[in-house]
Amino acid sequence: MIAQVGCPPTQGTGESLARDYRQRRLTDFVIAALESVGRNAEIIPLCEREVTADGGYQRLVKRLLTAGRSAEAEQWARTGIAAAERPYPGIAHQLREVVCGLRAHAGDWAMVAALRAEEFFDQPSAEAFQTLAAAAAQADAQPAVRVAALH
């Protein structure tokens, strides 16, 4: 059954969206079955095979974080951001939040500010600017970021 889970991802509307939804549900079912019989070591590799821009990255990143594999989670989140940015901006935003959290935890405020700047310039808003300004302050870059953001 596990071998049958892997279907190539699709993007689009109508039938392909329904197929993608069914695929995600099937993967969720297989993961639950693996957990129930204690075959947890097989879950992350399955999630890696099932990665798609429309949701698989989130599941994989969450599993990697739970397993204490934060470096891998960050790498997959970055890959997911790139894949989901245009077709699924909400998913890209959620993955960016994970990366920001990991970078903040590591004290890499310059990277947090860079990610916040990316969000602000992609979708400018007062809230995005405030979030950017807070990250820039942590990175000791608030004056330069303020000038660039208001230019």
C-alpha atoms as a PDB file:
ATOM      1  CA  MET A   1       0.000   0.000   0.000  1.00  0.00           C
ATOM      2  CA  ILE A   2       2.806   2.422   0.860  1.00  0.00           C
ATOM      3  CA  ALA A   3       4.283   2.024  -2.607  1.00  0.00           C
ATOM      4  CA  GLN A   4       0.938   3.045  -4.101  1.00  0.00           C
ATOM      5  CA  VAL A   5       0.888   6.378  -2.283  1.00  0.00           C
ATOM      6  CA  GLY A   6       3.419   8.052  -4.566  1.00  0.00           C
ATOM      7  CA  CYS A   7       1.562   9.815  -7.363  1.00  0.00           C
ATOM      8  CA  PRO A   8       3.085  12.679  -9.296  1.00  0.00           C
ATOM      9  CA  PRO A   9       1.854  16.045  -8.042  1.00  0.00           C
ATOM     10  CA  THR A  10      -0.367  18.168 -10.213  1.00  0.00           C
ATOM     11  CA  GLN A  11      -1.329  21.810 -10.186  1.00  0.00           C
ATOM     12  CA  GLY A  12      -4.379  23.363 -11.655  1.00  0.00           C
ATOM     13  CA  THR A  13      -8.096  23.303 -11.170  1.00  0.00           C
ATOM     14  CA  GLY A  14     -10.953  20.876 -11.143  1.00  0.00           C
ATOM     15  CA  GLU A  15      -9.914  17.265 -11.421  1.00  0.00           C
ATOM     16  CA  SER A  16      -6.257  17.860 -10.608  1.00  0.00           C
ATOM     17  CA  LEU A  17      -7.156  19.696  -7.384  1.00  0.00           C
ATOM     18  CA  ALA A  18      -9.502  16.888  -6.394  1.00  0.00           C
ATOM     19  CA  ARG A  19      -6.784  14.346  -7.176  1.00  0.00           C
ATOM     20  CA  ASP A  20      -4.236  16.283  -5.111  1.00  0.00           C
ATOM     21  CA  TYR A  21      -6.682  16.432  -2.211  1.00  0.00           C
ATOM     22  CA  ARG A  22      -7.307  12.677  -2.393  1.00  0.00           C
ATOM     23  CA  GLN A  23      -3.556  12.095  -2.546  1.00  0.00           C
ATOM     24  CA  ARG A  24      -2.952  14.170   0.603  1.00  0.00           C
ATOM     25  CA  ARG A  25      -5.746  12.348   2.402  1.00  0.00           C
ATOM     26  CA  LEU A  26      -4.324   8.961   1.385  1.00  0.00           C
ATOM     27  CA  THR A  27      -0.895  10.006   2.616  1.00  0.00           C
ATOM     28  CA  ASP A  28      -2.417  11.143   5.926  1.00  0.00           C
ATOM     29  CA  PHE A  29      -4.133   7.756   6.225  1.00  0.00           C
ATOM     30  CA  VAL A  30      -0.899   5.852   5.548  1.00  0.00           C
ATOM     31  CA  ILE A  31       0.971   7.990   8.093  1.00  0.00           C
ATOM     32  CA  ALA A  32      -1.695   7.276  10.715  1.00  0.00           C
ATOM     33  CA  ALA A  33      -1.465   3.559   9.927  1.00  0.00           C
ATOM     34  CA  LEU A  34       2.329   3.601  10.224  1.00  0.00           C
ATOM     35  CA  GLU A  35       2.082   5.405  13.564  1.00  0.00           C
ATOM     36  CA  SER A  36      -0.490   2.954  14.878  1.00  0.00           C
ATOM     37  CA  VAL A  37       1.802  -0.017  14.250  1.00  0.00           C
ATOM     38  CA  GLY A  38       4.953   1.700  15.470  1.00  0.00           C
ATOM     39  CA  ARG A  39       6.648   2.063  12.082  1.00  0.00           C
ATOM     40  CA  ASN A  40       7.558   5.686  12.743  1.00  0.00           C
ATOM     41  CA  ALA A  41      10.930   5.457  10.992  1.00  0.00           C
ATOM     42  CA  GLU A  42       9.073   5.146   7.676  1.00  0.00           C
ATOM     43  CA  ILE A  43       7.043   8.339   8.060  1.00  0.00           C
ATOM     44  CA  ILE A  44       9.626  11.012   7.224  1.00  0.00           C
ATOM     45  CA  PRO A  45      10.879   9.182   4.117  1.00  0.00           C
ATOM     46  CA  LEU A  46       7.243   8.870   2.988  1.00  0.00           C
ATOM     47  CA  CYS A  47       6.690  12.585   3.592  1.00  0.00           C
ATOM     48  CA  GLU A  48       9.827  13.359   1.568  1.00  0.00           C
ATOM     49  CA  ARG A  49       8.470  11.339  -1.360  1.00  0.00           C
ATOM     50  CA  GLU A  50       5.083  13.024  -1.113  1.00  0.00           C
ATOM     51  CA  VAL A  51       6.293  16.628  -1.091  1.00  0.00           C
ATOM     52  CA  THR A  52       4.213  18.942  -3.284  1.00  0.00           C
ATOM     53  CA  ALA A  53       3.904  22.711  -3.288  1.00  0.00           C
ATOM     54  CA  ASP A  54       0.308  22.591  -2.069  1.00  0.00           C
ATOM     55  CA  GLY A  55       0.859  21.153   1.377  1.00  0.00           C
ATOM     56  CA  GLY A  56       3.392  18.372   1.503  1.00  0.00           C
ATOM     57  CA  TYR A  57       6.186  20.699   2.556  1.00  0.00           C
ATOM     58  CA  GLN A  58       4.288  21.756   5.662  1.00  0.00           C
ATOM     59  CA  ARG A  59       3.724  18.177   6.752  1.00  0.00           C
ATOM     60  CA  LEU A  60       7.371  17.223   6.144  1.00  0.00           C
ATOM     61  CA  VAL A  61       8.753  20.292   7.932  1.00  0.00           C
ATOM     62  CA  LYS A  62       6.500  19.653  10.942  1.00  0.00           C
ATOM     63  CA  ARG A  63       7.606  16.018  11.115  1.00  0.00           C
ATOM     64  CA  LEU A  64      11.285  16.962  10.860  1.00  0.00           C
ATOM     65  CA  LEU A  65      10.927  19.560  13.616  1.00  0.00           C
ATOM     66  CA  THR A  66       9.158  17.057  15.849  1.00  0.00           C
ATOM     67  CA  ALA A  67      12.019  14.612  15.235  1.00  0.00           C
ATOM     68  CA  GLY A  68      14.541  17.279  16.263  1.00  0.00           C
ATOM     69  CA  ARG A  69      15.943  17.624  12.755  1.00  0.00           C
ATOM     70  CA  SER A  70      15.720  21.404  12.534  1.00  0.00           C
ATOM     71  CA  ALA A  71      18.485  21.899   9.941  1.00  0.00           C
ATOM     72  CA  GLU A  72      16.698  19.563   7.527  1.00  0.00           C
ATOM     73  CA  ALA A  73      13.368  21.184   8.371  1.00  0.00           C
ATOM     74  CA  GLU A  74      14.776  24.593   7.515  1.00  0.00           C
ATOM     75  CA  GLN A  75      16.183  23.373   4.210  1.00  0.00           C
ATOM     76  CA  TRP A  76      12.875  21.765   3.216  1.00  0.00           C
ATOM     77  CA  ALA A  77      10.988  24.899   4.324  1.00  0.00           C
ATOM     78  CA  ARG A  78      13.206  27.050   2.091  1.00  0.00           C
ATOM     79  CA  THR A  79      12.627  24.675  -0.823  1.00  0.00           C
ATOM     80  CA  GLY A  80       8.898  24.806  -0.121  1.00  0.00           C
ATOM     81  CA  ILE A  81       8.884  28.607  -0.039  1.00  0.00           C
ATOM     82  CA  ALA A  82      10.443  28.691  -3.491  1.00  0.00           C
ATOM     83  CA  ALA A  83       7.983  26.101  -4.834  1.00  0.00           C
ATOM     84  CA  ALA A  84       4.848  27.582  -3.262  1.00  0.00           C
ATOM     85  CA  GLU A  85       5.533  31.329  -3.473  1.00  0.00           C
ATOM     86  CA  ARG A  86       3.403  32.061  -6.547  1.00  0.00           C
ATOM     87  CA  PRO A  87       0.798  29.292  -6.691  1.00  0.00           C
ATOM     88  CA  TYR A  88       0.241  29.036  -2.902  1.00  0.00           C
ATOM     89  CA  PRO A  89       1.382  32.242  -1.133  1.00  0.00           C
ATOM     90  CA  GLY A  90      -0.325  31.240   2.123  1.00  0.00           C
ATOM     91  CA  ILE A  91       1.707  28.042   2.316  1.00  0.00           C
ATOM     92  CA  ALA A  92       4.884  29.970   1.482  1.00  0.00           C
ATOM     93  CA  HIS A  93       4.059  32.405   4.293  1.00  0.00           C
ATOM     94  CA  GLN A  94       3.610  29.570   6.801  1.00  0.00           C
ATOM     95  CA  LEU A  95       6.913  27.999   5.766  1.00  0.00           C
ATOM     96  CA  ARG A  96       8.627  31.402   5.988  1.00  0.00           C
ATOM     97  CA  GLU A  97       7.321  31.694   9.557  1.00  0.00           C
ATOM     98  CA  VAL A  98       9.029  28.394  10.385  1.00  0.00           C
ATOM     99  CA  VAL A  99      12.331  29.604   8.924  1.00  0.00           C
ATOM    100  CA  CYS A 100      12.010  32.919  10.790  1.00  0.00           C
ATOM    101  CA  GLY A 101      11.408  31.057  14.037  1.00  0.00           C
ATOM    102  CA  LEU A 102      14.417  28.807  13.509  1.00  0.00           C
ATOM    103  CA  ARG A 103      16.670  31.725  12.541  1.00  0.00           C
ATOM    104  CA  ALA A 104      15.439  33.802  15.512  1.00  0.00           C
ATOM    105  CA  HIS A 105      16.136  30.879  17.839  1.00  0.00           C
ATOM    106  CA  ALA A 106      19.663  30.722  16.391  1.00  0.00           C
ATOM    107  CA  GLY A 107      20.080  34.490  16.884  1.00  0.00           C
ATOM    108  CA  ASP A 108      20.377  35.125  13.148  1.00  0.00           C
ATOM    109  CA  TRP A 109      18.393  38.354  13.183  1.00  0.00           C
ATOM    110  CA  ALA A 110      19.858  39.546   9.887  1.00  0.00           C
ATOM    111  CA  MET A 111      18.245  36.571   8.135  1.00  0.00           C
ATOM    112  CA  VAL A 112      14.975  37.142   9.978  1.00  0.00           C
ATOM    113  CA  ALA A 113      15.036  40.770   8.830  1.00  0.00           C
ATOM    114  CA  ALA A 114      15.793  39.680   5.257  1.00  0.00           C
ATOM    115  CA  LEU A 115      12.836  37.284   5.260  1.00  0.00           C
ATOM    116  CA  ARG A 116      10.579  39.958   6.755  1.00  0.00           C
ATOM    117  CA  ALA A 117      11.761  42.421   4.098  1.00  0.00           C
ATOM    118  CA  GLU A 118      10.905  39.887   1.406  1.00  0.00           C
ATOM    119  CA  GLU A 119       7.383  39.628   2.809  1.00  0.00           C
ATOM    120  CA  PHE A 120       7.013  43.395   3.114  1.00  0.00           C
ATOM    121  CA  PHE A 121       8.157  44.154  -0.422  1.00  0.00           C
ATOM    122  CA  ASP A 122       5.992  41.343  -1.815  1.00  0.00           C
ATOM    123  CA  GLN A 123       2.844  42.507   0.007  1.00  0.00           C
ATOM    124  CA  PRO A 124       3.349  45.918   1.636  1.00  0.00           C
ATOM    125  CA  SER A 125       1.175  46.680   4.633  1.00  0.00           C
ATOM    126  CA  ALA A 126       1.465  48.501   7.941  1.00  0.00           C
ATOM    127  CA  GLU A 127       1.580  45.176   9.779  1.00  0.00           C
ATOM    128  CA  ALA A 128       4.311  43.788   7.503  1.00  0.00           C
ATOM    129  CA  PHE A 129       6.315  46.988   8.000  1.00  0.00           C
ATOM    130  CA  GLN A 130       6.007  46.750  11.800  1.00  0.00           C
ATOM    131  CA  THR A 131       7.144  43.121  11.696  1.00  0.00           C
ATOM    132  CA  LEU A 132      10.054  44.089   9.455  1.00  0.00           C
ATOM    133  CA  ALA A 133      11.006  47.009  11.713  1.00  0.00           C
ATOM    134  CA  ALA A 134      11.022  44.764  14.793  1.00  0.00           C
ATOM    135  CA  ALA A 135      13.289  42.223  13.084  1.00  0.00           C
ATOM    136  CA  ALA A 136      15.537  44.997  11.770  1.00  0.00           C
ATOM    137  CA  ALA A 137      15.869  46.414  15.290  1.00  0.00           C
ATOM    138  CA  GLN A 138      17.003  43.001  16.535  1.00  0.00           C
ATOM    139  CA  ALA A 139      19.566  42.914  13.710  1.00  0.00           C
ATOM    140  CA  ASP A 140      20.783  46.467  14.483  1.00  0.00           C
ATOM    141  CA  ALA A 141      19.759  47.453  10.962  1.00  0.00           C
ATOM    142  CA  GLN A 142      16.644  49.496  11.607  1.00  0.00           C
ATOM    143  CA  PRO A 143      17.790  52.816  10.045  1.00  0.00           C
ATOM    144  CA  ALA A 144      18.917  51.220   6.775  1.00  0.00           C
ATOM    145  CA  VAL A 145      15.845  49.008   6.547  1.00  0.00           C
ATOM    146  CA  ARG A 146      13.541  51.934   7.285  1.00  0.00           C
ATOM    147  CA  VAL A 147      15.094  54.013   4.485  1.00  0.00           C
ATOM    148  CA  ALA A 148      14.820  51.121   2.009  1.00  0.00           C
ATOM    149  CA  ALA A 149      11.249  50.279   3.026  1.00  0.00           C
ATOM    150  CA  LEU A 150      10.008  53.850   2.765  1.00  0.00           C
ATOM    151  CA  HIS A 151      11.841  54.671  -0.443  1.00  0.00           C
END
